[in-house]
Amino acid sequence: MLAQSLPVIPPAPKVHAKDLPTWRHLLTAQRNSIAIFPDYAFDVPFGRRTLLGVDAVLINDPEGVWHVLATNAANYFPAQKCED
């Protein structure tokens, strides 16, 4: 046994400085959905991005999450389902 134990560093995806280009975003999302977020996404209470005509919203603020999921849920529409 080692006299001094090494620190445990959990695996984590690379954090990007800015939004990924659309093609890279799509490829990365297939492998790891956390890896698509840029550095600033972890610091802002609210973020928005349009990708292929679809608005994606990221809410980090607890009050904002409560507003969307509980208080005002009727005003937010779920994603459209594709029927075969």
PDB file of N, CA and C in Angstrom:
ATOM      1  N   MET A   1       0.841  -1.175   0.000  1.00  0.00           N
ATOM      2  CA  MET A   1       0.000   0.000   0.000  1.00  0.00           C
ATOM      3  C   MET A   1       0.889   1.242   0.000  1.00  0.00           C
ATOM      4  N   LEU A   2       0.493   2.234  -0.730  1.00  0.00           N
ATOM      5  CA  LEU A   2       1.267   3.465  -0.791  1.00  0.00           C
ATOM      6  C   LEU A   2       1.158   4.244   0.510  1.00  0.00           C
ATOM      7  N   ALA A   3       2.247   4.859   0.895  1.00  0.00           N
ATOM      8  CA  ALA A   3       2.243   5.658   2.116  1.00  0.00           C
ATOM      9  C   ALA A   3       1.347   6.881   1.946  1.00  0.00           C
ATOM     10  N   GLN A   4       1.279   7.381   0.734  1.00  0.00           N
ATOM     11  CA  GLN A   4       0.460   8.557   0.463  1.00  0.00           C
ATOM     12  C   GLN A   4      -0.524   8.193  -0.651  1.00  0.00           C
ATOM     13  N   SER A   5      -1.810   8.307  -0.364  1.00  0.00           N
ATOM     14  CA  SER A   5      -2.791   7.923  -1.374  1.00  0.00           C
ATOM     15  C   SER A   5      -2.943   9.030  -2.414  1.00  0.00           C
ATOM     16  N   LEU A   6      -3.206   8.614  -3.642  1.00  0.00           N
ATOM     17  CA  LEU A   6      -3.381   9.553  -4.733  1.00  0.00           C
ATOM     18  C   LEU A   6      -4.817  10.075  -4.733  1.00  0.00           C
ATOM     19  N   PRO A   7      -5.028  11.340  -5.139  1.00  0.00           N
ATOM     20  CA  PRO A   7      -6.393  11.865  -5.173  1.00  0.00           C
ATOM     21  C   PRO A   7      -7.220  11.176  -6.254  1.00  0.00           C
ATOM     22  N   VAL A   8      -8.503  11.032  -5.997  1.00  0.00           N
ATOM     23  CA  VAL A   8      -9.412  10.442  -6.965  1.00  0.00           C
ATOM     24  C   VAL A   8      -9.942  11.555  -7.853  1.00  0.00           C
ATOM     25  N   ILE A   9      -9.695  11.443  -9.139  1.00  0.00           N
ATOM     26  CA  ILE A   9     -10.167  12.442 -10.103  1.00  0.00           C
ATOM     27  C   ILE A   9     -11.173  11.744 -11.022  1.00  0.00           C
ATOM     28  N   PRO A  10     -12.459  12.087 -10.874  1.00  0.00           N
ATOM     29  CA  PRO A  10     -13.458  11.422 -11.704  1.00  0.00           C
ATOM     30  C   PRO A  10     -13.331  11.828 -13.166  1.00  0.00           C
ATOM     31  N   PRO A  11     -13.727  10.961 -14.082  1.00  0.00           N
ATOM     32  CA  PRO A  11     -13.658  11.311 -15.502  1.00  0.00           C
ATOM     33  C   PRO A  11     -14.672  12.408 -15.812  1.00  0.00           C
ATOM     34  N   ALA A  12     -14.290  13.309 -16.673  1.00  0.00           N
ATOM     35  CA  ALA A  12     -15.171  14.404 -17.070  1.00  0.00           C
ATOM     36  C   ALA A  12     -14.865  14.783 -18.515  1.00  0.00           C
ATOM     37  N   PRO A  13     -15.890  15.192 -19.262  1.00  0.00           N
ATOM     38  CA  PRO A  13     -15.639  15.608 -20.645  1.00  0.00           C
ATOM     39  C   PRO A  13     -14.929  16.951 -20.699  1.00  0.00           C
ATOM     40  N   LYS A  14     -14.283  17.205 -21.819  1.00  0.00           N
ATOM     41  CA  LYS A  14     -13.618  18.490 -22.033  1.00  0.00           C
ATOM     42  C   LYS A  14     -14.674  19.597 -22.087  1.00  0.00           C
ATOM     43  N   VAL A  15     -14.390  20.709 -21.427  1.00  0.00           N
ATOM     44  CA  VAL A  15     -15.297  21.854 -21.461  1.00  0.00           C
ATOM     45  C   VAL A  15     -14.793  22.818 -22.526  1.00  0.00           C
ATOM     46  N   HIS A  16     -15.679  23.220 -23.436  1.00  0.00           N
ATOM     47  CA  HIS A  16     -15.307  24.079 -24.551  1.00  0.00           C
ATOM     48  C   HIS A  16     -15.465  25.554 -24.178  1.00  0.00           C
ATOM     49  N   ALA A  17     -14.674  26.413 -24.801  1.00  0.00           N
ATOM     50  CA  ALA A  17     -14.724  27.846 -24.512  1.00  0.00           C
ATOM     51  C   ALA A  17     -15.990  28.500 -25.058  1.00  0.00           C
ATOM     52  N   LYS A  18     -16.512  28.001 -26.159  1.00  0.00           N
ATOM     53  CA  LYS A  18     -17.721  28.582 -26.765  1.00  0.00           C
ATOM     54  C   LYS A  18     -18.578  27.467 -27.346  1.00  0.00           C
ATOM     55  N   ASP A  19     -19.765  27.825 -27.858  1.00  0.00           N
ATOM     56  CA  ASP A  19     -20.666  26.831 -28.436  1.00  0.00           C
ATOM     57  C   ASP A  19     -19.973  26.057 -29.555  1.00  0.00           C
ATOM     58  N   LEU A  20     -20.252  24.762 -29.611  1.00  0.00           N
ATOM     59  CA  LEU A  20     -19.705  23.935 -30.676  1.00  0.00           C
ATOM     60  C   LEU A  20     -20.439  24.228 -31.989  1.00  0.00           C
ATOM     61  N   PRO A  21     -19.759  24.066 -33.125  1.00  0.00           N
ATOM     62  CA  PRO A  21     -20.458  24.174 -34.407  1.00  0.00           C
ATOM     63  C   PRO A  21     -21.553  23.098 -34.478  1.00  0.00           C
ATOM     64  N   THR A  22     -22.569  23.329 -35.282  1.00  0.00           N
ATOM     65  CA  THR A  22     -23.726  22.432 -35.345  1.00  0.00           C
ATOM     66  C   THR A  22     -23.329  20.981 -35.595  1.00  0.00           C
ATOM     67  N   TRP A  23     -22.496  20.716 -36.582  1.00  0.00           N
ATOM     68  CA  TRP A  23     -22.123  19.340 -36.916  1.00  0.00           C
ATOM     69  C   TRP A  23     -21.426  18.656 -35.754  1.00  0.00           C
ATOM     70  N   ARG A  24     -20.551  19.403 -35.053  1.00  0.00           N
ATOM     71  CA  ARG A  24     -19.808  18.820 -33.933  1.00  0.00           C
ATOM     72  C   ARG A  24     -20.717  18.628 -32.716  1.00  0.00           C
ATOM     73  N   HIS A  25     -21.646  19.555 -32.533  1.00  0.00           N
ATOM     74  CA  HIS A  25     -22.624  19.452 -31.454  1.00  0.00           C
ATOM     75  C   HIS A  25     -23.428  18.149 -31.601  1.00  0.00           C
ATOM     76  N   LEU A  26     -23.901  17.878 -32.807  1.00  0.00           N
ATOM     77  CA  LEU A  26     -24.704  16.684 -33.056  1.00  0.00           C
ATOM     78  C   LEU A  26     -23.907  15.397 -32.835  1.00  0.00           C
ATOM     79  N   LEU A  27     -22.678  15.369 -33.306  1.00  0.00           N
ATOM     80  CA  LEU A  27     -21.832  14.183 -33.119  1.00  0.00           C
ATOM     81  C   LEU A  27     -21.483  13.971 -31.651  1.00  0.00           C
ATOM     82  N   THR A  28     -21.156  15.053 -30.955  1.00  0.00           N
ATOM     83  CA  THR A  28     -20.782  14.965 -29.548  1.00  0.00           C
ATOM     84  C   THR A  28     -21.966  14.545 -28.689  1.00  0.00           C
ATOM     85  N   ALA A  29     -23.150  15.056 -28.983  1.00  0.00           N
ATOM     86  CA  ALA A  29     -24.346  14.726 -28.203  1.00  0.00           C
ATOM     87  C   ALA A  29     -24.674  13.235 -28.247  1.00  0.00           C
ATOM     88  N   GLN A  30     -24.299  12.561 -29.313  1.00  0.00           N
ATOM     89  CA  GLN A  30     -24.548  11.119 -29.414  1.00  0.00           C
ATOM     90  C   GLN A  30     -23.688  10.328 -28.433  1.00  0.00           C
ATOM     91  N   ARG A  31     -22.512  10.848 -28.139  1.00  0.00           N
ATOM     92  CA  ARG A  31     -21.590  10.157 -27.238  1.00  0.00           C
ATOM     93  C   ARG A  31     -21.754  10.571 -25.782  1.00  0.00           C
ATOM     94  N   ASN A  32     -21.933  11.894 -25.554  1.00  0.00           N
ATOM     95  CA  ASN A  32     -21.977  12.396 -24.179  1.00  0.00           C
ATOM     96  C   ASN A  32     -22.759  13.707 -24.157  1.00  0.00           C
ATOM     97  N   SER A  33     -23.947  13.698 -23.602  1.00  0.00           N
ATOM     98  CA  SER A  33     -24.795  14.895 -23.623  1.00  0.00           C
ATOM     99  C   SER A  33     -24.248  16.033 -22.761  1.00  0.00           C
ATOM    100  N   ILE A  34     -23.415  15.741 -21.794  1.00  0.00           N
ATOM    101  CA  ILE A  34     -22.820  16.792 -20.964  1.00  0.00           C
ATOM    102  C   ILE A  34     -21.707  17.523 -21.734  1.00  0.00           C
ATOM    103  N   ALA A  35     -21.038  16.850 -22.635  1.00  0.00           N
ATOM    104  CA  ALA A  35     -19.904  17.417 -23.359  1.00  0.00           C
ATOM    105  C   ALA A  35     -20.296  18.493 -24.366  1.00  0.00           C
ATOM    106  N   ILE A  36     -21.575  18.679 -24.633  1.00  0.00           N
ATOM    107  CA  ILE A  36     -21.991  19.688 -25.607  1.00  0.00           C
ATOM    108  C   ILE A  36     -22.018  21.093 -25.019  1.00  0.00           C
ATOM    109  N   PHE A  37     -21.999  21.207 -23.705  1.00  0.00           N
ATOM    110  CA  PHE A  37     -22.135  22.518 -23.075  1.00  0.00           C
ATOM    111  C   PHE A  37     -20.805  23.270 -23.019  1.00  0.00           C
ATOM    112  N   PRO A  38     -20.815  24.556 -23.398  1.00  0.00           N
ATOM    113  CA  PRO A  38     -19.602  25.369 -23.297  1.00  0.00           C
ATOM    114  C   PRO A  38     -19.381  25.827 -21.860  1.00  0.00           C
ATOM    115  N   ASP A  39     -18.240  26.397 -21.609  1.00  0.00           N
ATOM    116  CA  ASP A  39     -17.848  26.830 -20.272  1.00  0.00           C
ATOM    117  C   ASP A  39     -18.865  27.787 -19.648  1.00  0.00           C
ATOM    118  N   TYR A  40     -19.355  28.742 -20.414  1.00  0.00           N
ATOM    119  CA  TYR A  40     -20.262  29.744 -19.847  1.00  0.00           C
ATOM    120  C   TYR A  40     -21.601  29.146 -19.404  1.00  0.00           C
ATOM    121  N   ALA A  41     -21.987  28.002 -19.952  1.00  0.00           N
ATOM    122  CA  ALA A  41     -23.276  27.397 -19.611  1.00  0.00           C
ATOM    123  C   ALA A  41     -23.362  26.997 -18.139  1.00  0.00           C
ATOM    124  N   PHE A  42     -22.220  26.803 -17.501  1.00  0.00           N
ATOM    125  CA  PHE A  42     -22.210  26.407 -16.095  1.00  0.00           C
ATOM    126  C   PHE A  42     -22.272  27.609 -15.154  1.00  0.00           C
ATOM    127  N   ASP A  43     -22.165  28.823 -15.710  1.00  0.00           N
ATOM    128  CA  ASP A  43     -22.126  30.029 -14.888  1.00  0.00           C
ATOM    129  C   ASP A  43     -23.356  30.917 -15.010  1.00  0.00           C
ATOM    130  N   VAL A  44     -24.121  30.776 -16.078  1.00  0.00           N
ATOM    131  CA  VAL A  44     -25.281  31.637 -16.298  1.00  0.00           C
ATOM    132  C   VAL A  44     -26.546  30.971 -15.752  1.00  0.00           C
ATOM    133  N   PRO A  45     -27.492  31.776 -15.242  1.00  0.00           N
ATOM    134  CA  PRO A  45     -28.725  31.184 -14.738  1.00  0.00           C
ATOM    135  C   PRO A  45     -29.656  30.711 -15.860  1.00  0.00           C
ATOM    136  N   PHE A  46     -29.489  31.275 -17.068  1.00  0.00           N
ATOM    137  CA  PHE A  46     -30.372  30.968 -18.185  1.00  0.00           C
ATOM    138  C   PHE A  46     -29.568  31.038 -19.478  1.00  0.00           C
ATOM    139  N   GLY A  47     -29.709  30.045 -20.325  1.00  0.00           N
ATOM    140  CA  GLY A  47     -29.024  30.051 -21.615  1.00  0.00           C
ATOM    141  C   GLY A  47     -29.965  29.580 -22.709  1.00  0.00           C
ATOM    142  N   ARG A  48     -29.752  30.080 -23.919  1.00  0.00           N
ATOM    143  CA  ARG A  48     -30.600  29.695 -25.051  1.00  0.00           C
ATOM    144  C   ARG A  48     -29.733  29.520 -26.290  1.00  0.00           C
ATOM    145  N   ARG A  49     -30.078  28.515 -27.084  1.00  0.00           N
ATOM    146  CA  ARG A  49     -29.382  28.285 -28.345  1.00  0.00           C
ATOM    147  C   ARG A  49     -30.363  27.711 -29.347  1.00  0.00           C
ATOM    148  N   THR A  50     -30.243  28.151 -30.592  1.00  0.00           N
ATOM    149  CA  THR A  50     -31.053  27.597 -31.673  1.00  0.00           C
ATOM    150  C   THR A  50     -30.172  26.685 -32.497  1.00  0.00           C
ATOM    151  N   LEU A  51     -30.627  25.454 -32.676  1.00  0.00           N
ATOM    152  CA  LEU A  51     -29.861  24.464 -33.411  1.00  0.00           C
ATOM    153  C   LEU A  51     -30.797  23.792 -34.411  1.00  0.00           C
ATOM    154  N   LEU A  52     -30.504  23.960 -35.683  1.00  0.00           N
ATOM    155  CA  LEU A  52     -31.332  23.415 -36.762  1.00  0.00           C
ATOM    156  C   LEU A  52     -32.795  23.847 -36.629  1.00  0.00           C
ATOM    157  N   GLY A  53     -32.994  25.105 -36.245  1.00  0.00           N
ATOM    158  CA  GLY A  53     -34.336  25.664 -36.135  1.00  0.00           C
ATOM    159  C   GLY A  53     -35.077  25.331 -34.854  1.00  0.00           C
ATOM    160  N   VAL A  54     -34.438  24.631 -33.940  1.00  0.00           N
ATOM    161  CA  VAL A  54     -35.071  24.260 -32.673  1.00  0.00           C
ATOM    162  C   VAL A  54     -34.423  25.051 -31.545  1.00  0.00           C
ATOM    163  N   ASP A  55     -35.256  25.753 -30.753  1.00  0.00           N
ATOM    164  CA  ASP A  55     -34.747  26.493 -29.599  1.00  0.00           C
ATOM    165  C   ASP A  55     -34.504  25.534 -28.445  1.00  0.00           C
ATOM    166  N   ALA A  56     -33.306  25.585 -27.896  1.00  0.00           N
ATOM    167  CA  ALA A  56     -32.975  24.804 -26.708  1.00  0.00           C
ATOM    168  C   ALA A  56     -32.712  25.782 -25.574  1.00  0.00           C
ATOM    169  N   VAL A  57     -33.292  25.510 -24.419  1.00  0.00           N
ATOM    170  CA  VAL A  57     -33.158  26.393 -23.271  1.00  0.00           C
ATOM    171  C   VAL A  57     -32.524  25.602 -22.132  1.00  0.00           C
ATOM    172  N   LEU A  58     -31.538  26.219 -21.487  1.00  0.00           N
ATOM    173  CA  LEU A  58     -30.883  25.626 -20.324  1.00  0.00           C
ATOM    174  C   LEU A  58     -31.146  26.539 -19.140  1.00  0.00           C
ATOM    175  N   ILE A  59     -31.730  26.001 -18.095  1.00  0.00           N
ATOM    176  CA  ILE A  59     -32.027  26.794 -16.896  1.00  0.00           C
ATOM    177  C   ILE A  59     -31.248  26.206 -15.730  1.00  0.00           C
ATOM    178  N   ASN A  60     -30.358  27.010 -15.145  1.00  0.00           N
ATOM    179  CA  ASN A  60     -29.557  26.589 -14.000  1.00  0.00           C
ATOM    180  C   ASN A  60     -30.074  27.159 -12.687  1.00  0.00           C
ATOM    181  N   ASP A  61     -30.902  28.174 -12.752  1.00  0.00           N
ATOM    182  CA  ASP A  61     -31.404  28.848 -11.563  1.00  0.00           C
ATOM    183  C   ASP A  61     -32.543  28.035 -10.945  1.00  0.00           C
ATOM    184  N   PRO A  62     -32.451  27.675  -9.656  1.00  0.00           N
ATOM    185  CA  PRO A  62     -33.505  26.868  -9.027  1.00  0.00           C
ATOM    186  C   PRO A  62     -34.897  27.498  -9.125  1.00  0.00           C
ATOM    187  N   GLU A  63     -34.995  28.800  -8.976  1.00  0.00           N
ATOM    188  CA  GLU A  63     -36.297  29.462  -9.091  1.00  0.00           C
ATOM    189  C   GLU A  63     -36.824  29.375 -10.522  1.00  0.00           C
ATOM    190  N   GLY A  64     -35.950  29.484 -11.501  1.00  0.00           N
ATOM    191  CA  GLY A  64     -36.351  29.351 -12.893  1.00  0.00           C
ATOM    192  C   GLY A  64     -36.829  27.952 -13.221  1.00  0.00           C
ATOM    193  N   VAL A  65     -36.153  26.957 -12.681  1.00  0.00           N
ATOM    194  CA  VAL A  65     -36.563  25.566 -12.895  1.00  0.00           C
ATOM    195  C   VAL A  65     -37.947  25.343 -12.276  1.00  0.00           C
ATOM    196  N   TRP A  66     -38.147  25.834 -11.067  1.00  0.00           N
ATOM    197  CA  TRP A  66     -39.441  25.700 -10.404  1.00  0.00           C
ATOM    198  C   TRP A  66     -40.538  26.390 -11.227  1.00  0.00           C
ATOM    199  N   HIS A  67     -40.231  27.557 -11.766  1.00  0.00           N
ATOM    200  CA  HIS A  67     -41.199  28.302 -12.576  1.00  0.00           C
ATOM    201  C   HIS A  67     -41.627  27.485 -13.794  1.00  0.00           C
ATOM    202  N   VAL A  68     -40.680  26.895 -14.493  1.00  0.00           N
ATOM    203  CA  VAL A  68     -40.987  26.132 -15.705  1.00  0.00           C
ATOM    204  C   VAL A  68     -41.713  24.827 -15.380  1.00  0.00           C
ATOM    205  N   LEU A  69     -41.241  24.094 -14.380  1.00  0.00           N
ATOM    206  CA  LEU A  69     -41.783  22.768 -14.106  1.00  0.00           C
ATOM    207  C   LEU A  69     -43.043  22.757 -13.247  1.00  0.00           C
ATOM    208  N   ALA A  70     -43.259  23.797 -12.445  1.00  0.00           N
ATOM    209  CA  ALA A  70     -44.398  23.759 -11.526  1.00  0.00           C
ATOM    210  C   ALA A  70     -45.328  24.954 -11.672  1.00  0.00           C
ATOM    211  N   THR A  71     -44.825  26.145 -11.454  1.00  0.00           N
ATOM    212  CA  THR A  71     -45.670  27.329 -11.405  1.00  0.00           C
ATOM    213  C   THR A  71     -46.344  27.648 -12.728  1.00  0.00           C
ATOM    214  N   ASN A  72     -45.605  27.615 -13.813  1.00  0.00           N
ATOM    215  CA  ASN A  72     -46.119  28.074 -15.105  1.00  0.00           C
ATOM    216  C   ASN A  72     -45.988  27.000 -16.182  1.00  0.00           C
ATOM    217  N   ALA A  73     -46.092  25.752 -15.807  1.00  0.00           N
ATOM    218  CA  ALA A  73     -45.862  24.636 -16.733  1.00  0.00           C
ATOM    219  C   ALA A  73     -46.806  24.650 -17.931  1.00  0.00           C
ATOM    220  N   ALA A  74     -48.010  25.144 -17.772  1.00  0.00           N
ATOM    221  CA  ALA A  74     -48.984  25.139 -18.871  1.00  0.00           C
ATOM    222  C   ALA A  74     -48.550  26.017 -20.039  1.00  0.00           C
ATOM    223  N   ASN A  75     -47.672  26.990 -19.804  1.00  0.00           N
ATOM    224  CA  ASN A  75     -47.216  27.891 -20.869  1.00  0.00           C
ATOM    225  C   ASN A  75     -46.033  27.353 -21.659  1.00  0.00           C
ATOM    226  N   TYR A  76     -45.513  26.205 -21.277  1.00  0.00           N
ATOM    227  CA  TYR A  76     -44.370  25.621 -21.979  1.00  0.00           C
ATOM    228  C   TYR A  76     -44.833  24.367 -22.690  1.00  0.00           C
ATOM    229  N   PHE A  77     -44.513  24.282 -23.955  1.00  0.00           N
ATOM    230  CA  PHE A  77     -44.982  23.180 -24.783  1.00  0.00           C
ATOM    231  C   PHE A  77     -43.927  22.089 -24.849  1.00  0.00           C
ATOM    232  N   PRO A  78     -44.337  20.817 -24.735  1.00  0.00           N
ATOM    233  CA  PRO A  78     -43.375  19.726 -24.904  1.00  0.00           C
ATOM    234  C   PRO A  78     -42.958  19.621 -26.378  1.00  0.00           C
ATOM    235  N   ALA A  79     -41.855  18.968 -26.612  1.00  0.00           N
ATOM    236  CA  ALA A  79     -41.385  18.765 -27.976  1.00  0.00           C
ATOM    237  C   ALA A  79     -42.415  17.965 -28.766  1.00  0.00           C
ATOM    238  N   GLN A  80     -42.517  18.257 -30.042  1.00  0.00           N
ATOM    239  CA  GLN A  80     -43.445  17.536 -30.911  1.00  0.00           C
ATOM    240  C   GLN A  80     -42.937  16.114 -31.133  1.00  0.00           C
ATOM    241  N   LYS A  81     -43.820  15.143 -31.051  1.00  0.00           N
ATOM    242  CA  LYS A  81     -43.464  13.759 -31.306  1.00  0.00           C
ATOM    243  C   LYS A  81     -43.694  13.432 -32.762  1.00  0.00           C
ATOM    244  N   CYS A  82     -42.792  12.701 -33.344  1.00  0.00           N
ATOM    245  CA  CYS A  82     -42.937  12.271 -34.745  1.00  0.00           C
ATOM    246  C   CYS A  82     -43.676  10.938 -34.750  1.00  0.00           C
ATOM    247  N   GLU A  83     -44.747  10.886 -35.493  1.00  0.00           N
ATOM    248  CA  GLU A  83     -45.535   9.660 -35.624  1.00  0.00           C
ATOM    249  C   GLU A  83     -45.173   9.000 -36.949  1.00  0.00           C
ATOM    250  N   ASP A  84     -44.986   7.698 -36.932  1.00  0.00           N
ATOM    251  CA  ASP A  84     -44.717   6.954 -38.166  1.00  0.00           C
ATOM    252  C   ASP A  84     -45.993   6.513 -38.825  1.00  0.00           C
TER     253      ASP A  84
END
